[in-house]
Every structure is written in structure tokens, then in C-alpha cells.
C-alpha atoms as a PDB file:
ATOM      1  CA  UNK A   1       0.000   0.000   0.000  1.00  0.00           C
ATOM      2  CA  UNK A   2       2.926   2.362   0.651  1.00  0.00           C
ATOM      3  CA  UNK A   3       3.919   2.222  -3.024  1.00  0.00           C
ATOM      4  CA  UNK A   4       0.309   2.885  -4.017  1.00  0.00           C
ATOM      5  CA  UNK A   5       0.195   5.952  -1.746  1.00  0.00           C
ATOM      6  CA  UNK A   6       3.416   7.297  -3.236  1.00  0.00           C
ATOM      7  CA  UNK A   7       2.109   6.683  -6.743  1.00  0.00           C
ATOM      8  CA  UNK A   8      -1.189   8.403  -5.886  1.00  0.00           C
ATOM      9  CA  UNK A   9       0.693  11.408  -4.477  1.00  0.00           C
ATOM     10  CA  UNK A  10       2.905  11.652  -7.551  1.00  0.00           C
ATOM     11  CA  UNK A  11       0.067  11.292 -10.055  1.00  0.00           C
ATOM     12  CA  UNK A  12      -2.347  13.709  -8.423  1.00  0.00           C
ATOM     13  CA  UNK A  13       0.208  16.383  -7.559  1.00  0.00           C
ATOM     14  CA  UNK A  14       1.270  16.430 -11.223  1.00  0.00           C
ATOM     15  CA  UNK A  15      -2.343  16.465 -12.406  1.00  0.00           C
ATOM     16  CA  UNK A  16      -3.024  19.293  -9.979  1.00  0.00           C
ATOM     17  CA  UNK A  17      -0.625  21.481 -11.923  1.00  0.00           C
ATOM     18  CA  UNK A  18      -2.157  20.568 -15.299  1.00  0.00           C
ATOM     19  CA  UNK A  19      -5.807  21.273 -14.469  1.00  0.00           C
ATOM     20  CA  UNK A  20      -6.252  24.369 -16.632  1.00  0.00           C
ATOM     21  CA  UNK A  21      -9.875  25.376 -16.942  1.00  0.00           C
ATOM     22  CA  UNK A  22     -11.095  23.077 -14.231  1.00  0.00           C
ATOM     23  CA  UNK A  23     -10.564  19.564 -13.084  1.00  0.00           C
ATOM     24  CA  UNK A  24     -12.391  17.908 -15.954  1.00  0.00           C
ATOM     25  CA  UNK A  25      -9.580  18.925 -18.289  1.00  0.00           C
ATOM     26  CA  UNK A  26      -7.300  16.325 -16.674  1.00  0.00           C
ATOM     27  CA  UNK A  27      -9.725  13.397 -16.836  1.00  0.00           C
ATOM     28  CA  UNK A  28      -8.076  11.731 -19.856  1.00  0.00           C
ATOM     29  CA  UNK A  29      -4.675  11.607 -18.164  1.00  0.00           C
ATOM     30  CA  UNK A  30      -6.219  10.651 -14.812  1.00  0.00           C
ATOM     31  CA  UNK A  31      -8.063   7.775 -16.464  1.00  0.00           C
ATOM     32  CA  UNK A  32      -4.912   6.683 -18.324  1.00  0.00           C
ATOM     33  CA  UNK A  33      -2.874   6.608 -15.122  1.00  0.00           C
ATOM     34  CA  UNK A  34      -5.505   4.875 -12.996  1.00  0.00           C
ATOM     35  CA  UNK A  35      -6.772   2.374 -15.590  1.00  0.00           C
ATOM     36  CA  UNK A  36      -3.920   1.689 -18.000  1.00  0.00           C
ATOM     37  CA  UNK A  37      -0.697   2.486 -16.191  1.00  0.00           C
ATOM     38  CA  UNK A  38      -1.446   1.279 -12.647  1.00  0.00           C
ATOM     39  CA  UNK A  39      -4.448  -0.964 -13.434  1.00  0.00           C
ATOM     40  CA  UNK A  40      -6.194  -0.010 -10.200  1.00  0.00           C
ATOM     41  CA  UNK A  41      -9.621  -0.264 -11.882  1.00  0.00           C
ATOM     42  CA  UNK A  42     -11.360  -0.822 -15.209  1.00  0.00           C
ATOM     43  CA  UNK A  43     -12.580   1.886 -17.607  1.00  0.00           C
ATOM     44  CA  UNK A  44     -16.140   1.115 -16.556  1.00  0.00           C
ATOM     45  CA  UNK A  45     -15.251   1.465 -12.844  1.00  0.00           C
ATOM     46  CA  UNK A  46     -13.548   4.795 -13.526  1.00  0.00           C
ATOM     47  CA  UNK A  47     -16.575   6.011 -15.453  1.00  0.00           C
ATOM     48  CA  UNK A  48     -18.896   4.898 -12.630  1.00  0.00           C
ATOM     49  CA  UNK A  49     -16.785   6.708  -9.998  1.00  0.00           C
ATOM     50  CA  UNK A  50     -16.795   9.826 -12.164  1.00  0.00           C
ATOM     51  CA  UNK A  51     -20.590   9.684 -12.514  1.00  0.00           C
ATOM     52  CA  UNK A  52     -20.978   9.203  -8.758  1.00  0.00           C
ATOM     53  CA  UNK A  53     -18.681  12.161  -8.079  1.00  0.00           C
ATOM     54  CA  UNK A  54     -20.658  14.371 -10.469  1.00  0.00           C
ATOM     55  CA  UNK A  55     -23.975  13.434  -8.852  1.00  0.00           C
ATOM     56  CA  UNK A  56     -22.738  14.105  -5.310  1.00  0.00           C
ATOM     57  CA  UNK A  57     -22.733  17.590  -3.818  1.00  0.00           C
ATOM     58  CA  UNK A  58     -19.356  19.244  -3.482  1.00  0.00           C
ATOM     59  CA  UNK A  59     -16.438  19.952  -5.781  1.00  0.00           C
ATOM     60  CA  UNK A  60     -16.598  18.472  -9.273  1.00  0.00           C
ATOM     61  CA  UNK A  61     -13.278  16.743  -8.667  1.00  0.00           C
ATOM     62  CA  UNK A  62     -14.611  14.475  -5.954  1.00  0.00           C
ATOM     63  CA  UNK A  63     -13.621  11.645  -8.293  1.00  0.00           C
ATOM     64  CA  UNK A  64     -10.064  12.176  -7.024  1.00  0.00           C
ATOM     65  CA  UNK A  65     -11.143  11.351  -3.480  1.00  0.00           C
ATOM     66  CA  UNK A  66     -13.134   8.333  -4.665  1.00  0.00           C
ATOM     67  CA  UNK A  67     -10.112   7.003  -6.547  1.00  0.00           C
ATOM     68  CA  UNK A  68      -8.013   7.407  -3.412  1.00  0.00           C
ATOM     69  CA  UNK A  69     -10.631   5.477  -1.430  1.00  0.00           C
ATOM     70  CA  UNK A  70     -10.794   2.725  -4.056  1.00  0.00           C
ATOM     71  CA  UNK A  71      -7.021   2.288  -4.149  1.00  0.00           C
ATOM     72  CA  UNK A  72      -5.998   2.721  -0.498  1.00  0.00           C
ATOM     73  CA  UNK A  73      -8.971   3.478   1.771  1.00  0.00           C
ATOM     74  CA  UNK A  74      -8.758   6.443   4.142  1.00  0.00           C
ATOM     75  CA  UNK A  75      -5.016   7.002   3.624  1.00  0.00           C
ATOM     76  CA  UNK A  76      -5.724   7.146  -0.130  1.00  0.00           C
ATOM     77  CA  UNK A  77      -8.460   9.720   0.425  1.00  0.00           C
ATOM     78  CA  UNK A  78      -6.071  11.940   2.358  1.00  0.00           C
ATOM     79  CA  UNK A  79      -3.154  11.559  -0.065  1.00  0.00           C
ATOM     80  CA  UNK A  80      -5.148  12.105  -3.263  1.00  0.00           C
ATOM     81  CA  UNK A  81      -7.064  15.065  -1.854  1.00  0.00           C
ATOM     82  CA  UNK A  82      -3.966  16.853  -0.586  1.00  0.00           C
ATOM     83  CA  UNK A  83      -1.970  16.049  -3.725  1.00  0.00           C
ATOM     84  CA  UNK A  84      -4.710  17.217  -6.096  1.00  0.00           C
ATOM     85  CA  UNK A  85      -5.833  20.365  -4.311  1.00  0.00           C
ATOM     86  CA  UNK A  86      -2.680  21.517  -2.485  1.00  0.00           C
ATOM     87  CA  UNK A  87      -0.227  22.412  -5.281  1.00  0.00           C
ATOM     88  CA  UNK A  88      -2.826  24.016  -7.543  1.00  0.00           C
ATOM     89  CA  UNK A  89      -4.234  26.064  -4.662  1.00  0.00           C
ATOM     90  CA  UNK A  90      -0.805  27.486  -3.841  1.00  0.00           C
ATOM     91  CA  UNK A  91      -0.098  28.340  -7.473  1.00  0.00           C
ATOM     92  CA  UNK A  92      -3.568  29.849  -7.891  1.00  0.00           C
ATOM     93  CA  UNK A  93      -3.004  32.158  -4.930  1.00  0.00           C
ATOM     94  CA  UNK A  94       0.312  33.331  -6.391  1.00  0.00           C
ATOM     95  CA  UNK A  95      -1.169  33.706  -9.895  1.00  0.00           C
ATOM     96  CA  UNK A  96      -4.126  35.718  -8.605  1.00  0.00           C
ATOM     97  CA  UNK A  97      -1.746  38.059  -6.828  1.00  0.00           C
ATOM     98  CA  UNK A  98       0.238  38.565 -10.050  1.00  0.00           C
ATOM     99  CA  UNK A  99      -2.936  38.805 -12.116  1.00  0.00           C
ATOM    100  CA  UNK A 100      -4.238  41.599  -9.907  1.00  0.00           C
ATOM    101  CA  UNK A 101      -0.873  43.342  -9.967  1.00  0.00           C
ATOM    102  CA  UNK A 102      -0.880  43.495 -13.773  1.00  0.00           C
ATOM    103  CA  UNK A 103      -4.609  44.157 -14.231  1.00  0.00           C
ATOM    104  CA  UNK A 104      -4.050  47.238 -16.406  1.00  0.00           C
ATOM    105  CA  UNK A 105      -1.686  45.549 -18.875  1.00  0.00           C
ATOM    106  CA  UNK A 106      -3.136  44.734 -22.323  1.00  0.00           C
ATOM    107  CA  UNK A 107      -1.388  41.336 -22.605  1.00  0.00           C
ATOM    108  CA  UNK A 108      -3.749  39.945 -19.932  1.00  0.00           C
ATOM    109  CA  UNK A 109      -6.623  39.898 -22.428  1.00  0.00           C
ATOM    110  CA  UNK A 110      -4.532  37.984 -24.995  1.00  0.00           C
ATOM    111  CA  UNK A 111      -3.560  35.378 -22.427  1.00  0.00           C
ATOM    112  CA  UNK A 112      -7.208  34.899 -21.469  1.00  0.00           C
ATOM    113  CA  UNK A 113      -8.244  34.598 -25.120  1.00  0.00           C
ATOM    114  CA  UNK A 114      -5.496  32.046 -25.763  1.00  0.00           C
ATOM    115  CA  UNK A 115      -6.496  29.874 -22.838  1.00  0.00           C
ATOM    116  CA  UNK A 116     -10.153  29.555 -23.899  1.00  0.00           C
ATOM    117  CA  UNK A 117      -9.633  27.135 -26.840  1.00  0.00           C
ATOM    118  CA  UNK A 118      -7.087  25.112 -24.869  1.00  0.00           C
ATOM    119  CA  UNK A 119      -9.532  24.692 -22.004  1.00  0.00           C
ATOM    120  CA  UNK A 120     -12.408  23.865 -24.356  1.00  0.00           C
ATOM    121  CA  UNK A 121     -10.312  21.205 -26.092  1.00  0.00           C
ATOM    122  CA  UNK A 122      -9.257  19.602 -22.817  1.00  0.00           C
ATOM    123  CA  UNK A 123     -12.839  19.501 -21.542  1.00  0.00           C
ATOM    124  CA  UNK A 124     -14.057  18.035 -24.869  1.00  0.00           C
ATOM    125  CA  UNK A 125     -11.373  15.334 -24.671  1.00  0.00           C
ATOM    126  CA  UNK A 126     -12.578  14.506 -21.167  1.00  0.00           C
ATOM    127  CA  UNK A 127     -16.174  14.200 -22.350  1.00  0.00           C
ATOM    128  CA  UNK A 128     -15.149  11.853 -25.166  1.00  0.00           C
ATOM    129  CA  UNK A 129     -13.128   9.703 -22.772  1.00  0.00           C
ATOM    130  CA  UNK A 130     -16.044   9.258 -20.357  1.00  0.00           C
ATOM    131  CA  UNK A 131     -18.473   8.600 -23.225  1.00  0.00           C
ATOM    132  CA  UNK A 132     -16.148   5.988 -24.739  1.00  0.00           C
ATOM    133  CA  UNK A 133     -15.834   4.175 -21.416  1.00  0.00           C
ATOM    134  CA  UNK A 134     -19.591   4.277 -20.775  1.00  0.00           C
ATOM    135  CA  UNK A 135     -21.138   3.630 -24.173  1.00  0.00           C
ATOM    136  CA  UNK A 136     -20.788  -0.110 -24.678  1.00  0.00           C
ATOM    137  CA  UNK A 137     -23.752  -0.363 -27.076  1.00  0.00           C
ATOM    138  CA  UNK A 138     -25.140   1.822 -29.847  1.00  0.00           C
ATOM    139  CA  UNK A 139     -28.209   2.528 -27.698  1.00  0.00           C
ATOM    140  CA  UNK A 140     -26.031   3.925 -24.900  1.00  0.00           C
ATOM    141  CA  UNK A 141     -24.087   6.002 -27.431  1.00  0.00           C
ATOM    142  CA  UNK A 142     -27.390   7.369 -28.735  1.00  0.00           C
ATOM    143  CA  UNK A 143     -28.494   8.244 -25.193  1.00  0.00           C
ATOM    144  CA  UNK A 144     -25.178  10.029 -24.613  1.00  0.00           C
ATOM    145  CA  UNK A 145     -25.595  12.036 -27.809  1.00  0.00           C
ATOM    146  CA  UNK A 146     -29.192  12.904 -26.904  1.00  0.00           C
ATOM    147  CA  UNK A 147     -28.213  14.080 -23.414  1.00  0.00           C
ATOM    148  CA  UNK A 148     -25.344  16.143 -24.842  1.00  0.00           C
ATOM    149  CA  UNK A 149     -27.755  17.782 -27.282  1.00  0.00           C
ATOM    150  CA  UNK A 150     -30.317  18.501 -24.552  1.00  0.00           C
ATOM    151  CA  UNK A 151     -27.585  19.950 -22.328  1.00  0.00           C
ATOM    152  CA  UNK A 152     -26.329  22.144 -25.133  1.00  0.00           C
ATOM    153  CA  UNK A 153     -29.736  23.365 -26.310  1.00  0.00           C
ATOM    154  CA  UNK A 154     -31.531  23.908 -22.985  1.00  0.00           C
ATOM    155  CA  UNK A 155     -30.899  25.226 -19.508  1.00  0.00           C
ATOM    156  CA  UNK A 156     -32.106  21.986 -17.943  1.00  0.00           C
ATOM    157  CA  UNK A 157     -30.219  21.263 -14.731  1.00  0.00           C
ATOM    158  CA  UNK A 158     -27.791  18.330 -15.136  1.00  0.00           C
ATOM    159  CA  UNK A 159     -29.249  16.567 -12.092  1.00  0.00           C
ATOM    160  CA  UNK A 160     -32.522  16.097 -14.018  1.00  0.00           C
ATOM    161  CA  UNK A 161     -30.585  14.455 -16.826  1.00  0.00           C
ATOM    162  CA  UNK A 162     -28.753  12.249 -14.322  1.00  0.00           C
ATOM    163  CA  UNK A 163     -32.071  11.257 -12.743  1.00  0.00           C
ATOM    164  CA  UNK A 164     -33.501  10.414 -16.171  1.00  0.00           C
ATOM    165  CA  UNK A 165     -30.404   8.355 -16.924  1.00  0.00           C
ATOM    166  CA  UNK A 166     -30.783   6.484 -13.650  1.00  0.00           C
ATOM    167  CA  UNK A 167     -34.404   5.682 -14.494  1.00  0.00           C
ATOM    168  CA  UNK A 168     -33.436   4.453 -17.967  1.00  0.00           C
ATOM    169  CA  UNK A 169     -30.692   2.360 -16.369  1.00  0.00           C
ATOM    170  CA  UNK A 170     -33.154   0.792 -13.938  1.00  0.00           C
ATOM    171  CA  UNK A 171     -35.248  -0.416 -16.855  1.00  0.00           C
ATOM    172  CA  UNK A 172     -32.250  -2.244 -18.308  1.00  0.00           C
ATOM    173  CA  UNK A 173     -32.740  -0.397 -21.602  1.00  0.00           C
ATOM    174  CA  UNK A 174     -29.582  -0.387 -23.696  1.00  0.00           C
ATOM    175  CA  UNK A 175     -27.975  -3.456 -22.143  1.00  0.00           C
END
């Protein structure tokens, strides 16, 4: 377990520094590390933990804590949470101080504009990764596409879509 804790600390402290635009931007690398590199769980298990984390109240990166629990129990929870949120929080505080200091400089706007497509691409890659792991049949892929379209076109709260998905899942439809 000690090696697992060290690996968790290393993975999530590095991911902490890469999470531009929010935690979902690092999901592809998180999934690769947890599923492929360390083989701590399957793609389906990762996808299920991600869905559980999204449905639960709290930060959208609760999946980190759930992975820690899955791999090493309470020590894993502590290590993954500190490793994921500690380094990025420290850097964010320093960056906000610098950002405020240079608030009148015109280059700030160009940096912000440049980060938007990078963030959008990382979030889109995360969405594709979760969809690929979850959509084992064409029916499930169709449901994913339908939910994405509804989310994009309406202001319907995501919890309603999750509830609808849970009801569809209870029927066994798509299996």
C-alpha cells in the first residue's frame, strides 16, 4: 500500500498542476494513469466513480477522493485530496496576486483569449473519454448524444438528466 500511496501522491500532484480550466480537463490523463498504467480499476469502474462524483454535492473533482478510497482506503483519500488540491491552490493564490498586480496591462486579455480554446479542447477530450468508457452499445451512445444535445440546447439542470439516466438504467434499456 505504501507504493500505491506514493504513486497516488505523484500522479495527483502532477495532475493538480495541469488542471487548466477546471478539473475535468485532466480526466483523460487521470483515467490513463488509474486504468492503464497502474491498473487499479477498469474503464467502466472509472466512469462509474466519475458519474458518482458528479452526482454528489461538493467539488466536481470528488472523483479524485473516490479514486483514493478505491485504491488505499482512508489514507488514499487523504493523499489524493492533498496532492490534487494543495499544489494548484498554492499556485492559484500566487497567480491571482500577479494577475491583480498586472490588471491594467493589455497582454492579460490575450492570455485569457489564448487559454479559452485550450480549455475547451481539454474539456471536450474529457467528455469523449467518459463517453467511450460508458457507451458499450449503440443505444447507450445514442443516449449520450441525446443528453449532450439537450444539455447544449436547454438550460435543464444536469441533475434532471442524471435522474432520467438512472431511471433508464433501472429499466435495463440499452444493455
